[in-house]
Amino acid sequence: MPVIALPNALIRYDLSGSGDPTVLIHGSLVDRRTWDSVRPGLDPSLSTVAYDRRGYGESTGAARRHPVHDDAGDLAGLLEGLDMFPVHVIAHSYGSAVALRLATDRPEMVRSLALHEPPYIGALEDDPATAPEADRLRSSLRAMRALAQSGRPEEAAREIVDALSTEEGAWGRLAAGAQRSIVRNVDRWVEEIEDPEATMPDRVELGELLIPVLLTTGERSPPYLHRIAAAVADRLRNVTFRTLPGVGHVPHVSDPNQFIAVLHGFLVERNVPST
């Protein structure tokens, strides 16, 4: 079982494929297995590392005081331990905040970023037209957090999953094993959502980023995620913005072939060099 020992964590990872080095960062409530449907399609052209962030799956370690910074530091340590950088970074949801922090703090480690629906509610606050929506979303997050902290993690998990879907009863359609896994990870989600950087990036840093970015949103995702993605795209200087047809918040699970094709297309179109 490949593991990297870091000062504050033991990070479990899987390494496969051949070609340009690439790392896959999972979002909240899940672990590295969320990428299982994507990796076979990436492996012929990319060397992929899928790993469990600290506290998820088979990775362990100290509680994160500043989750975004701590997770980015863990990732830098993993890549240094593997002597595998610069990398293409593919990240989902909260993992996008980790990816952007790594790209800001350690730009020499990152060749490109592919981000799907970062949870940057704060990106809506600058526009008077969307600021009330940001307030409502933050209120909903506080209510979900209160459920989790009052000993009702399954109710919190249900609320979170349903809020990320436009289809009624999203939680109920999950397999029982997936539900149990998500409930186990609710405490980690609370850690992450309490970090201001998880919902609002540094505006100056975002505007100064020169690394190529693919930013995607799902056609069937809730409209607030579309508006967040558009607001983030407006702040980036070197961005390709795509709406993925027929999918929602987890395109790497619901339509991995489309997701893989979009990733490959981005790397070809941007001609991201291998050296």
C-alpha atoms as a PDB file:
ATOM      1  CA  MET A   1       0.000   0.000   0.000  1.00  0.00           C
ATOM      2  CA  PRO A   2       1.869   3.135  -1.173  1.00  0.00           C
ATOM      3  CA  VAL A   3       1.982   5.791   1.532  1.00  0.00           C
ATOM      4  CA  ILE A   4       3.957   9.018   1.911  1.00  0.00           C
ATOM      5  CA  ALA A   5       4.859   9.998   5.485  1.00  0.00           C
ATOM      6  CA  LEU A   6       4.652  13.769   6.007  1.00  0.00           C
ATOM      7  CA  PRO A   7       5.299  15.721   9.219  1.00  0.00           C
ATOM      8  CA  ASN A   8       1.583  15.887  10.083  1.00  0.00           C
ATOM      9  CA  ALA A   9       0.022  13.149   7.975  1.00  0.00           C
ATOM     10  CA  LEU A  10       0.277   9.757   6.307  1.00  0.00           C
ATOM     11  CA  ILE A  11      -1.035  10.135   2.755  1.00  0.00           C
ATOM     12  CA  ARG A  12      -2.300   7.093   0.864  1.00  0.00           C
ATOM     13  CA  TYR A  13      -2.108   7.288  -2.922  1.00  0.00           C
ATOM     14  CA  ASP A  14      -2.396   5.266  -6.130  1.00  0.00           C
ATOM     15  CA  LEU A  15      -0.034   5.843  -9.033  1.00  0.00           C
ATOM     16  CA  SER A  16      -0.831   4.596 -12.534  1.00  0.00           C
ATOM     17  CA  GLY A  17      -0.477   5.354 -16.218  1.00  0.00           C
ATOM     18  CA  SER A  18       2.345   6.814 -18.266  1.00  0.00           C
ATOM     19  CA  GLY A  19       3.029  10.236 -19.652  1.00  0.00           C
ATOM     20  CA  ASP A  20       2.766  13.725 -18.239  1.00  0.00           C
ATOM     21  CA  PRO A  21       2.483  13.767 -14.418  1.00  0.00           C
ATOM     22  CA  THR A  22      -1.033  14.557 -13.196  1.00  0.00           C
ATOM     23  CA  VAL A  23      -2.644  14.691  -9.764  1.00  0.00           C
ATOM     24  CA  LEU A  24      -6.342  14.222  -8.968  1.00  0.00           C
ATOM     25  CA  ILE A  25      -7.761  16.098  -5.953  1.00  0.00           C
ATOM     26  CA  HIS A  26     -11.093  14.879  -4.622  1.00  0.00           C
ATOM     27  CA  GLY A  27     -13.728  17.166  -3.109  1.00  0.00           C
ATOM     28  CA  SER A  28     -15.409  17.066   0.284  1.00  0.00           C
ATOM     29  CA  LEU A  29     -17.241  14.021   1.658  1.00  0.00           C
ATOM     30  CA  VAL A  30     -15.545  11.535  -0.712  1.00  0.00           C
ATOM     31  CA  ASP A  31     -12.069  10.062  -1.198  1.00  0.00           C
ATOM     32  CA  ARG A  32      -9.706   9.071  -4.013  1.00  0.00           C
ATOM     33  CA  ARG A  33     -12.093   6.344  -5.203  1.00  0.00           C
ATOM     34  CA  THR A  34     -14.269   9.055  -6.739  1.00  0.00           C
ATOM     35  CA  TRP A  35     -11.760   9.082  -9.631  1.00  0.00           C
ATOM     36  CA  ASP A  36     -11.956   5.351 -10.372  1.00  0.00           C
ATOM     37  CA  SER A  37     -14.052   5.818 -13.531  1.00  0.00           C
ATOM     38  CA  VAL A  38     -11.730   8.501 -14.913  1.00  0.00           C
ATOM     39  CA  ARG A  39      -8.281   7.082 -14.358  1.00  0.00           C
ATOM     40  CA  PRO A  40      -8.448   4.299 -17.006  1.00  0.00           C
ATOM     41  CA  GLY A  41      -9.173   6.925 -19.667  1.00  0.00           C
ATOM     42  CA  LEU A  42      -6.334   9.192 -18.516  1.00  0.00           C
ATOM     43  CA  ASP A  43      -3.692   6.531 -17.936  1.00  0.00           C
ATOM     44  CA  PRO A  44      -2.700   5.970 -21.600  1.00  0.00           C
ATOM     45  CA  SER A  45      -1.441   9.553 -21.878  1.00  0.00           C
ATOM     46  CA  LEU A  46      -0.916  10.738 -18.290  1.00  0.00           C
ATOM     47  CA  SER A  47       0.811   9.432 -15.170  1.00  0.00           C
ATOM     48  CA  THR A  48      -1.897   9.944 -12.578  1.00  0.00           C
ATOM     49  CA  VAL A  49      -1.726  10.184  -8.802  1.00  0.00           C
ATOM     50  CA  ALA A  50      -5.033   9.818  -6.992  1.00  0.00           C
ATOM     51  CA  TYR A  51      -4.708  10.312  -3.247  1.00  0.00           C
ATOM     52  CA  ASP A  52      -6.784  10.604  -0.098  1.00  0.00           C
ATOM     53  CA  ARG A  53      -6.581  14.023   1.467  1.00  0.00           C
ATOM     54  CA  ARG A  54      -5.725  14.078   5.174  1.00  0.00           C
ATOM     55  CA  GLY A  55      -8.498  12.514   7.240  1.00  0.00           C
ATOM     56  CA  TYR A  56     -10.220  10.937   4.236  1.00  0.00           C
ATOM     57  CA  GLY A  57     -10.166   7.328   3.078  1.00  0.00           C
ATOM     58  CA  GLU A  58      -6.922   5.693   4.166  1.00  0.00           C
ATOM     59  CA  SER A  59      -4.983   8.901   4.918  1.00  0.00           C
ATOM     60  CA  THR A  60      -4.511   9.939   8.532  1.00  0.00           C
ATOM     61  CA  GLY A  61      -3.014  12.833  10.408  1.00  0.00           C
ATOM     62  CA  ALA A  62      -3.459  15.761  12.732  1.00  0.00           C
ATOM     63  CA  ALA A  63      -6.618  17.859  12.573  1.00  0.00           C
ATOM     64  CA  ARG A  64      -6.259  20.652  10.028  1.00  0.00           C
ATOM     65  CA  ARG A  65      -6.218  24.132  11.579  1.00  0.00           C
ATOM     66  CA  HIS A  66      -6.304  25.828   8.162  1.00  0.00           C
ATOM     67  CA  PRO A  67      -7.666  23.141   5.821  1.00  0.00           C
ATOM     68  CA  VAL A  68      -6.967  24.761   2.442  1.00  0.00           C
ATOM     69  CA  HIS A  69      -3.379  25.648   3.337  1.00  0.00           C
ATOM     70  CA  ASP A  70      -2.816  22.349   5.156  1.00  0.00           C
ATOM     71  CA  ASP A  71      -4.182  20.292   2.264  1.00  0.00           C
ATOM     72  CA  ALA A  72      -2.076  22.234  -0.248  1.00  0.00           C
ATOM     73  CA  GLY A  73       0.987  21.658   1.937  1.00  0.00           C
ATOM     74  CA  ASP A  74       0.225  17.944   2.113  1.00  0.00           C
ATOM     75  CA  LEU A  75      -0.080  17.818  -1.666  1.00  0.00           C
ATOM     76  CA  ALA A  76       3.229  19.618  -2.137  1.00  0.00           C
ATOM     77  CA  GLY A  77       4.841  17.130   0.239  1.00  0.00           C
ATOM     78  CA  LEU A  78       3.331  14.205  -1.665  1.00  0.00           C
ATOM     79  CA  LEU A  79       4.597  15.472  -5.008  1.00  0.00           C
ATOM     80  CA  GLU A  80       8.043  16.193  -3.581  1.00  0.00           C
ATOM     81  CA  GLY A  81       8.178  12.733  -2.026  1.00  0.00           C
ATOM     82  CA  LEU A  82       7.317  11.182  -5.379  1.00  0.00           C
ATOM     83  CA  ASP A  83       9.669  13.574  -7.234  1.00  0.00           C
ATOM     84  CA  MET A  84       6.713  14.166  -9.545  1.00  0.00           C
ATOM     85  CA  PHE A  85       6.305  17.793 -10.554  1.00  0.00           C
ATOM     86  CA  PRO A  86       5.399  20.054 -12.246  1.00  0.00           C
ATOM     87  CA  VAL A  87       1.990  18.441 -12.678  1.00  0.00           C
ATOM     88  CA  HIS A  88      -1.331  18.934 -14.336  1.00  0.00           C
ATOM     89  CA  VAL A  89      -3.850  19.304 -11.510  1.00  0.00           C
ATOM     90  CA  ILE A  90      -7.422  18.046 -11.875  1.00  0.00           C
ATOM     91  CA  ALA A  91      -9.659  19.030  -8.972  1.00  0.00           C
ATOM     92  CA  HIS A  92     -13.308  18.753  -8.004  1.00  0.00           C
ATOM     93  CA  SER A  93     -15.340  21.148  -5.834  1.00  0.00           C
ATOM     94  CA  TYR A  94     -13.435  21.962  -2.596  1.00  0.00           C
ATOM     95  CA  GLY A  95     -10.387  20.334  -4.163  1.00  0.00           C
ATOM     96  CA  SER A  96     -10.276  23.342  -6.495  1.00  0.00           C
ATOM     97  CA  ALA A  97      -9.453  25.601  -3.544  1.00  0.00           C
ATOM     98  CA  VAL A  98      -6.564  23.286  -2.665  1.00  0.00           C
ATOM     99  CA  ALA A  99      -5.370  23.328  -6.287  1.00  0.00           C
ATOM    100  CA  LEU A 100      -5.419  27.122  -6.488  1.00  0.00           C
ATOM    101  CA  ARG A 101      -3.576  27.442  -3.190  1.00  0.00           C
ATOM    102  CA  LEU A 102      -0.867  25.080  -4.451  1.00  0.00           C
ATOM    103  CA  ALA A 103      -0.615  27.016  -7.729  1.00  0.00           C
ATOM    104  CA  THR A 104      -0.281  30.297  -5.816  1.00  0.00           C
ATOM    105  CA  ASP A 105       2.200  29.128  -3.171  1.00  0.00           C
ATOM    106  CA  ARG A 106       4.205  26.712  -5.336  1.00  0.00           C
ATOM    107  CA  PRO A 107       3.734  27.778  -8.987  1.00  0.00           C
ATOM    108  CA  GLU A 108       6.816  25.801  -9.994  1.00  0.00           C
ATOM    109  CA  MET A 109       4.871  22.627  -9.167  1.00  0.00           C
ATOM    110  CA  VAL A 110       1.849  23.295 -11.411  1.00  0.00           C
ATOM    111  CA  ARG A 111       1.672  23.205 -15.204  1.00  0.00           C
ATOM    112  CA  SER A 112      -2.097  23.515 -15.596  1.00  0.00           C
ATOM    113  CA  LEU A 113      -5.296  23.458 -13.565  1.00  0.00           C
ATOM    114  CA  ALA A 114      -8.618  21.786 -14.409  1.00  0.00           C
ATOM    115  CA  LEU A 115     -11.250  22.802 -11.855  1.00  0.00           C
ATOM    116  CA  HIS A 116     -14.885  21.713 -11.688  1.00  0.00           C
ATOM    117  CA  GLU A 117     -17.276  23.948  -9.744  1.00  0.00           C
ATOM    118  CA  PRO A 118     -15.163  25.463  -6.963  1.00  0.00           C
ATOM    119  CA  PRO A 119     -17.433  26.311  -3.988  1.00  0.00           C
ATOM    120  CA  TYR A 120     -16.501  29.998  -3.952  1.00  0.00           C
ATOM    121  CA  ILE A 121     -19.721  31.505  -2.641  1.00  0.00           C
ATOM    122  CA  GLY A 122     -17.797  34.667  -1.855  1.00  0.00           C
ATOM    123  CA  ALA A 123     -17.258  35.276  -5.576  1.00  0.00           C
ATOM    124  CA  LEU A 124     -20.929  36.325  -5.714  1.00  0.00           C
ATOM    125  CA  GLU A 125     -20.577  38.975  -3.021  1.00  0.00           C
ATOM    126  CA  ASP A 126     -18.994  41.718  -5.138  1.00  0.00           C
ATOM    127  CA  ASP A 127     -21.934  41.980  -7.548  1.00  0.00           C
ATOM    128  CA  PRO A 128     -25.050  43.638  -6.061  1.00  0.00           C
ATOM    129  CA  ALA A 129     -27.180  41.378  -8.284  1.00  0.00           C
ATOM    130  CA  THR A 130     -25.824  38.184  -6.707  1.00  0.00           C
ATOM    131  CA  ALA A 131     -24.826  39.364  -3.214  1.00  0.00           C
ATOM    132  CA  PRO A 132     -28.226  38.415  -1.697  1.00  0.00           C
ATOM    133  CA  GLU A 133     -27.805  34.921  -3.115  1.00  0.00           C
ATOM    134  CA  ALA A 134     -24.396  34.656  -1.465  1.00  0.00           C
ATOM    135  CA  ASP A 135     -26.004  35.592   1.859  1.00  0.00           C
ATOM    136  CA  ARG A 136     -28.656  32.881   1.411  1.00  0.00           C
ATOM    137  CA  LEU A 137     -26.036  30.287   0.533  1.00  0.00           C
ATOM    138  CA  ARG A 138     -23.943  31.148   3.568  1.00  0.00           C
ATOM    139  CA  SER A 139     -27.048  30.879   5.747  1.00  0.00           C
ATOM    140  CA  SER A 140     -27.714  27.402   4.298  1.00  0.00           C
ATOM    141  CA  LEU A 141     -24.131  26.362   5.044  1.00  0.00           C
ATOM    142  CA  ARG A 142     -24.490  27.520   8.642  1.00  0.00           C
ATOM    143  CA  ALA A 143     -27.668  25.453   9.005  1.00  0.00           C
ATOM    144  CA  MET A 144     -25.961  22.347   7.583  1.00  0.00           C
ATOM    145  CA  ARG A 145     -22.973  22.860   9.857  1.00  0.00           C
ATOM    146  CA  ALA A 146     -25.289  23.206  12.868  1.00  0.00           C
ATOM    147  CA  LEU A 147     -26.897  19.860  12.021  1.00  0.00           C
ATOM    148  CA  ALA A 148     -23.514  18.176  11.827  1.00  0.00           C
ATOM    149  CA  GLN A 149     -22.300  19.706  15.069  1.00  0.00           C
ATOM    150  CA  SER A 150     -25.473  18.793  16.945  1.00  0.00           C
ATOM    151  CA  GLY A 151     -24.981  15.071  16.419  1.00  0.00           C
ATOM    152  CA  ARG A 152     -27.105  14.750  13.274  1.00  0.00           C
ATOM    153  CA  PRO A 153     -24.493  14.000  10.585  1.00  0.00           C
ATOM    154  CA  GLU A 154     -26.848  11.983   8.363  1.00  0.00           C
ATOM    155  CA  GLU A 155     -29.303  14.892   8.173  1.00  0.00           C
ATOM    156  CA  ALA A 156     -26.424  17.238   7.371  1.00  0.00           C
ATOM    157  CA  ALA A 157     -25.143  14.874   4.664  1.00  0.00           C
ATOM    158  CA  ARG A 158     -28.594  14.657   3.111  1.00  0.00           C
ATOM    159  CA  GLU A 159     -28.909  18.458   3.025  1.00  0.00           C
ATOM    160  CA  ILE A 160     -25.461  18.887   1.477  1.00  0.00           C
ATOM    161  CA  VAL A 161     -25.974  16.303  -1.262  1.00  0.00           C
ATOM    162  CA  ASP A 162     -29.443  17.572  -2.150  1.00  0.00           C
ATOM    163  CA  ALA A 163     -28.152  21.172  -2.334  1.00  0.00           C
ATOM    164  CA  LEU A 164     -25.660  20.135  -5.012  1.00  0.00           C
ATOM    165  CA  SER A 165     -28.313  18.642  -7.309  1.00  0.00           C
ATOM    166  CA  THR A 166     -31.247  20.009  -9.290  1.00  0.00           C
ATOM    167  CA  GLU A 167     -32.995  16.632  -9.113  1.00  0.00           C
ATOM    168  CA  GLU A 168     -35.222  16.015  -6.122  1.00  0.00           C
ATOM    169  CA  GLY A 169     -34.138  13.203  -3.816  1.00  0.00           C
ATOM    170  CA  ALA A 170     -30.464  13.062  -4.808  1.00  0.00           C
ATOM    171  CA  TRP A 171     -29.505  11.625  -1.417  1.00  0.00           C
ATOM    172  CA  GLY A 172     -32.027   8.816  -1.666  1.00  0.00           C
ATOM    173  CA  ARG A 173     -30.629   7.677  -5.014  1.00  0.00           C
ATOM    174  CA  LEU A 174     -27.172   7.045  -3.562  1.00  0.00           C
ATOM    175  CA  ALA A 175     -26.197   3.487  -2.676  1.00  0.00           C
ATOM    176  CA  ALA A 176     -26.233   2.696   1.030  1.00  0.00           C
ATOM    177  CA  GLY A 177     -22.446   2.293   1.075  1.00  0.00           C
ATOM    178  CA  ALA A 178     -21.958   5.705  -0.495  1.00  0.00           C
ATOM    179  CA  GLN A 179     -24.309   7.254   2.053  1.00  0.00           C
ATOM    180  CA  ARG A 180     -22.402   5.705   4.954  1.00  0.00           C
ATOM    181  CA  SER A 181     -19.079   6.931   3.566  1.00  0.00           C
ATOM    182  CA  ILE A 182     -20.394  10.469   3.166  1.00  0.00           C
ATOM    183  CA  VAL A 183     -21.802  10.511   6.703  1.00  0.00           C
ATOM    184  CA  ARG A 184     -18.406   9.404   8.059  1.00  0.00           C
ATOM    185  CA  ASN A 185     -16.794  12.385   6.325  1.00  0.00           C
ATOM    186  CA  VAL A 186     -19.185  15.092   7.496  1.00  0.00           C
ATOM    187  CA  ASP A 187     -16.819  16.186  10.285  1.00  0.00           C
ATOM    188  CA  ARG A 188     -14.104  16.783   7.685  1.00  0.00           C
ATOM    189  CA  TRP A 189     -16.582  18.868   5.673  1.00  0.00           C
ATOM    190  CA  VAL A 190     -17.244  20.993   8.755  1.00  0.00           C
ATOM    191  CA  GLU A 191     -13.493  21.630   9.117  1.00  0.00           C
ATOM    192  CA  GLU A 192     -13.306  22.706   5.499  1.00  0.00           C
ATOM    193  CA  ILE A 193     -16.369  24.924   5.367  1.00  0.00           C
ATOM    194  CA  GLU A 194     -15.178  26.822   8.453  1.00  0.00           C
ATOM    195  CA  ASP A 195     -12.045  27.863   6.551  1.00  0.00           C
ATOM    196  CA  PRO A 196     -12.815  31.233   4.870  1.00  0.00           C
ATOM    197  CA  GLU A 197     -10.546  30.336   1.961  1.00  0.00           C
ATOM    198  CA  ALA A 198     -12.762  27.368   1.094  1.00  0.00           C
ATOM    199  CA  THR A 199     -15.531  29.750   0.026  1.00  0.00           C
ATOM    200  CA  MET A 200     -13.581  32.854  -1.012  1.00  0.00           C
ATOM    201  CA  PRO A 201     -10.194  32.955  -2.754  1.00  0.00           C
ATOM    202  CA  ASP A 202      -7.852  35.903  -2.482  1.00  0.00           C
ATOM    203  CA  ARG A 203      -9.066  38.213  -5.262  1.00  0.00           C
ATOM    204  CA  VAL A 204      -5.609  39.623  -5.998  1.00  0.00           C
ATOM    205  CA  GLU A 205      -3.969  36.198  -6.135  1.00  0.00           C
ATOM    206  CA  LEU A 206      -6.709  34.908  -8.422  1.00  0.00           C
ATOM    207  CA  GLY A 207      -6.245  37.802 -10.820  1.00  0.00           C
ATOM    208  CA  GLU A 208      -2.471  37.387 -10.917  1.00  0.00           C
ATOM    209  CA  LEU A 209      -2.479  33.659 -11.704  1.00  0.00           C
ATOM    210  CA  LEU A 210      -0.937  32.991 -15.126  1.00  0.00           C
ATOM    211  CA  ILE A 211      -1.073  29.183 -15.169  1.00  0.00           C
ATOM    212  CA  PRO A 212      -3.568  27.853 -17.765  1.00  0.00           C
ATOM    213  CA  VAL A 213      -6.908  27.012 -16.145  1.00  0.00           C
ATOM    214  CA  LEU A 214      -9.793  24.913 -17.426  1.00  0.00           C
ATOM    215  CA  LEU A 215     -12.865  25.879 -15.403  1.00  0.00           C
ATOM    216  CA  THR A 216     -15.998  23.786 -15.881  1.00  0.00           C
ATOM    217  CA  THR A 217     -19.561  23.737 -14.649  1.00  0.00           C
ATOM    218  CA  GLY A 218     -22.283  21.174 -15.286  1.00  0.00           C
ATOM    219  CA  GLU A 219     -25.350  22.052 -17.333  1.00  0.00           C
ATOM    220  CA  ARG A 220     -27.549  20.210 -14.826  1.00  0.00           C
ATOM    221  CA  SER A 221     -25.909  21.667 -11.727  1.00  0.00           C
ATOM    222  CA  PRO A 222     -27.867  24.155  -9.588  1.00  0.00           C
ATOM    223  CA  PRO A 223     -27.820  27.641 -11.154  1.00  0.00           C
ATOM    224  CA  TYR A 224     -25.884  29.115  -8.236  1.00  0.00           C
ATOM    225  CA  LEU A 225     -22.919  26.913  -9.178  1.00  0.00           C
ATOM    226  CA  HIS A 226     -23.081  28.273 -12.737  1.00  0.00           C
ATOM    227  CA  ARG A 227     -22.980  31.833 -11.410  1.00  0.00           C
ATOM    228  CA  ILE A 228     -20.080  31.067  -9.089  1.00  0.00           C
ATOM    229  CA  ALA A 229     -18.084  29.479 -11.909  1.00  0.00           C
ATOM    230  CA  ALA A 230     -18.763  32.442 -14.207  1.00  0.00           C
ATOM    231  CA  ALA A 231     -17.697  34.910 -11.513  1.00  0.00           C
ATOM    232  CA  VAL A 232     -14.465  32.987 -10.916  1.00  0.00           C
ATOM    233  CA  ALA A 233     -13.776  32.803 -14.669  1.00  0.00           C
ATOM    234  CA  ASP A 234     -14.122  36.595 -14.883  1.00  0.00           C
ATOM    235  CA  ARG A 235     -11.297  36.978 -12.362  1.00  0.00           C
ATOM    236  CA  LEU A 236      -8.857  34.601 -14.064  1.00  0.00           C
ATOM    237  CA  ARG A 237      -6.483  35.845 -16.758  1.00  0.00           C
ATOM    238  CA  ASN A 238      -5.662  32.580 -18.543  1.00  0.00           C
ATOM    239  CA  VAL A 239      -8.911  30.603 -18.451  1.00  0.00           C
ATOM    240  CA  THR A 240     -10.918  28.287 -20.679  1.00  0.00           C
ATOM    241  CA  PHE A 241     -14.516  28.190 -19.427  1.00  0.00           C
ATOM    242  CA  ARG A 242     -16.795  25.281 -20.408  1.00  0.00           C
ATOM    243  CA  THR A 243     -20.328  24.227 -19.533  1.00  0.00           C
ATOM    244  CA  LEU A 244     -20.518  20.438 -19.747  1.00  0.00           C
ATOM    245  CA  PRO A 245     -23.797  19.264 -21.313  1.00  0.00           C
ATOM    246  CA  GLY A 246     -26.016  16.744 -19.586  1.00  0.00           C
ATOM    247  CA  VAL A 247     -24.069  16.523 -16.319  1.00  0.00           C
ATOM    248  CA  GLY A 248     -24.121  18.075 -12.873  1.00  0.00           C
ATOM    249  CA  HIS A 249     -21.706  18.452  -9.979  1.00  0.00           C
ATOM    250  CA  VAL A 250     -19.916  15.103 -10.440  1.00  0.00           C
ATOM    251  CA  PRO A 251     -19.213  14.696 -14.192  1.00  0.00           C
ATOM    252  CA  HIS A 252     -16.237  12.411 -13.495  1.00  0.00           C
ATOM    253  CA  VAL A 253     -18.745   9.955 -12.022  1.00  0.00           C
ATOM    254  CA  SER A 254     -21.853  10.506 -14.157  1.00  0.00           C
ATOM    255  CA  ASP A 255     -20.152  10.864 -17.566  1.00  0.00           C
ATOM    256  CA  PRO A 256     -16.454  10.058 -17.279  1.00  0.00           C
ATOM    257  CA  ASN A 257     -15.953   9.757 -21.041  1.00  0.00           C
ATOM    258  CA  GLN A 258     -17.101  13.308 -21.650  1.00  0.00           C
ATOM    259  CA  PHE A 259     -15.015  14.559 -18.733  1.00  0.00           C
ATOM    260  CA  ILE A 260     -11.905  12.793 -20.034  1.00  0.00           C
ATOM    261  CA  ALA A 261     -12.431  14.189 -23.537  1.00  0.00           C
ATOM    262  CA  VAL A 262     -12.749  17.747 -22.220  1.00  0.00           C
ATOM    263  CA  LEU A 263      -9.567  17.372 -20.181  1.00  0.00           C
ATOM    264  CA  HIS A 264      -7.608  16.027 -23.136  1.00  0.00           C
ATOM    265  CA  GLY A 265      -9.015  18.737 -25.396  1.00  0.00           C
ATOM    266  CA  PHE A 266      -7.899  21.444 -22.987  1.00  0.00           C
ATOM    267  CA  LEU A 267      -4.351  20.140 -22.837  1.00  0.00           C
ATOM    268  CA  VAL A 268      -4.153  19.882 -26.628  1.00  0.00           C
ATOM    269  CA  GLU A 269      -5.777  23.280 -27.301  1.00  0.00           C
ATOM    270  CA  ARG A 270      -3.578  25.069 -24.777  1.00  0.00           C
ATOM    271  CA  ASN A 271      -0.551  23.061 -25.911  1.00  0.00           C
ATOM    272  CA  VAL A 272       0.612  22.756 -22.319  1.00  0.00           C
ATOM    273  CA  PRO A 273       4.251  21.697 -22.698  1.00  0.00           C
ATOM    274  CA  SER A 274       5.559  18.478 -21.221  1.00  0.00           C
ATOM    275  CA  THR A 275       8.862  20.067 -20.227  1.00  0.00           C
END
